[in-house]
Structure formats: C-alpha cells, structure tokens
Amino acid sequence: MGDAPSGRDGQQSPVSPHVSVVQRSRGSGVVFALVAIALILAIAFFYMTNERRGDRQADKVTQAAGSVDDAAKVVGEAARNAADTLRNDH
C-alpha cells in the first residue's frame, strides 16, 4: 500500500487542510464614527438654537421696554390733557 495514507478498503482519504479565516470587524469603527458625528451635530444644534433663544429673549425684553415706554407716553399725554383741561376751566 505504500507511503500514501489509506482509508478503508484500499481507498485514499481526501486531505482536508484546516484553514481558519480571521476577519476583523470594521463595522464597529463605522458605528463609532457615526455616533461621534451625530453627537457633534447635536451639540452644534443645541448651541445654535440656544443662541437664537437668547436673541428671542432679548427681543422680548426690548418689546417689553418699548411697551413700557409707550405706556409712559400715554400716561404723560393723559396727564398733559388733564392739566390743560384744568387750566382752561379756571
């Protein structure tokens, strides 16, 4: 039968090499990059909307001050009219 390995009944058994394939997962790096980008965008969005919110609050304060100014003008006009009425009656 010679030097070659043999199986049963004089048949040769096929040689099957054991090969292990190791693949590195690149998906976790992509997921990490996407999460990092999403976090950066969320922070940028927060700061942009927060700045606008501050602008809106400043606008509200300005409008309130304008309303107080308008109210003071109305009261001043009313006082002037009342004074004029009193002068004209006497």
Protein backbone atom coordinates (compact mmCIF):
# COMPACT_ATOMS: atom_id res chain seq x y z
CA MET A 1 0.00 0.00 0.00
CA GLY A 2 2.90 2.39 0.01
CA ASP A 3 3.57 5.64 1.76
CA ALA A 4 0.25 7.32 0.98
CA PRO A 5 -2.35 7.31 3.73
CA SER A 6 -5.11 4.96 3.07
CA GLY A 7 -8.63 4.64 4.29
CA ARG A 8 -10.85 1.61 4.39
CA ASP A 9 -10.91 -0.90 1.66
CA GLY A 10 -7.85 0.47 -0.03
CA GLN A 11 -9.38 3.91 -0.79
CA GLN A 12 -7.40 7.01 -0.09
CA SER A 13 -8.98 9.55 2.27
CA PRO A 14 -9.12 13.10 0.93
CA VAL A 15 -6.73 15.51 2.56
CA SER A 16 -8.60 18.42 4.13
CA PRO A 17 -6.42 21.19 5.40
CA HIS A 18 -7.67 23.11 8.41
CA VAL A 19 -7.77 26.77 7.50
CA SER A 20 -9.04 29.41 9.88
CA VAL A 21 -10.05 32.72 8.39
CA VAL A 22 -9.93 35.65 10.77
CA GLN A 23 -11.72 38.77 9.66
CA ARG A 24 -11.60 41.95 11.60
CA SER A 25 -14.92 43.63 12.07
CA ARG A 26 -14.81 47.10 10.61
CA GLY A 27 -18.46 47.72 11.39
CA SER A 28 -17.78 48.81 14.96
CA GLY A 29 -15.46 51.59 13.75
CA VAL A 30 -18.11 52.85 11.36
CA VAL A 31 -20.74 52.80 14.10
CA PHE A 32 -18.40 54.71 16.43
CA ALA A 33 -17.73 57.32 13.73
CA LEU A 34 -21.46 57.76 13.05
CA VAL A 35 -22.22 58.15 16.75
CA ALA A 36 -19.41 60.71 17.10
CA ILE A 37 -20.71 62.71 14.12
CA ALA A 38 -24.26 62.59 15.47
CA LEU A 39 -23.04 63.83 18.86
CA ILE A 40 -21.13 66.71 17.29
CA LEU A 41 -24.17 67.69 15.21
CA ALA A 42 -26.44 67.54 18.28
CA ILE A 43 -24.10 69.80 20.26
CA ALA A 44 -23.85 72.25 17.37
CA PHE A 45 -27.65 72.30 17.01
CA PHE A 46 -28.02 72.94 20.74
CA TYR A 47 -25.66 75.91 20.66
CA MET A 48 -27.27 77.36 17.54
CA THR A 49 -30.81 77.12 18.95
CA ASN A 50 -29.65 78.36 22.36
CA GLU A 51 -28.18 81.46 20.71
CA ARG A 52 -31.45 82.06 18.89
CA ARG A 53 -33.34 81.54 22.14
CA GLY A 54 -31.17 84.21 23.73
CA ASP A 55 -31.91 86.51 20.82
CA ARG A 56 -35.63 85.85 21.23
CA GLN A 57 -35.41 86.63 24.94
CA ALA A 58 -33.56 89.86 24.18
CA ASP A 59 -36.25 90.73 21.63
CA LYS A 60 -38.96 90.08 24.24
CA VAL A 61 -37.18 92.33 26.74
CA THR A 62 -36.82 95.03 24.10
CA GLN A 63 -40.51 94.74 23.22
CA ALA A 64 -41.46 94.91 26.90
CA ALA A 65 -39.33 98.02 27.35
CA GLY A 66 -40.96 99.51 24.26
CA SER A 67 -44.38 98.74 25.72
CA VAL A 68 -43.44 100.42 29.00
CA ASP A 69 -42.20 103.42 27.04
CA ASP A 70 -45.45 103.56 25.07
CA ALA A 71 -47.48 103.26 28.29
CA ALA A 72 -45.46 106.08 29.87
CA LYS A 73 -46.14 108.25 26.81
CA VAL A 74 -49.88 107.51 27.08
CA VAL A 75 -49.88 108.38 30.80
CA GLY A 76 -47.89 111.54 30.05
CA GLU A 77 -50.38 112.55 27.37
CA ALA A 78 -53.27 111.88 29.75
CA ALA A 79 -51.62 113.99 32.46
CA ARG A 80 -50.96 116.78 29.96
CA ASN A 81 -54.57 116.67 28.77
CA ALA A 82 -55.83 116.73 32.35
CA ALA A 83 -53.58 119.70 33.16
CA ASP A 84 -54.75 121.54 30.04
CA THR A 85 -58.36 120.87 30.98
CA LEU A 86 -57.81 122.22 34.49
CA ARG A 87 -56.10 125.37 33.12
CA ASN A 88 -58.88 126.02 30.67
CA ASP A 89 -61.62 125.59 33.29
CA HIS A 90 -60.09 128.17 35.66
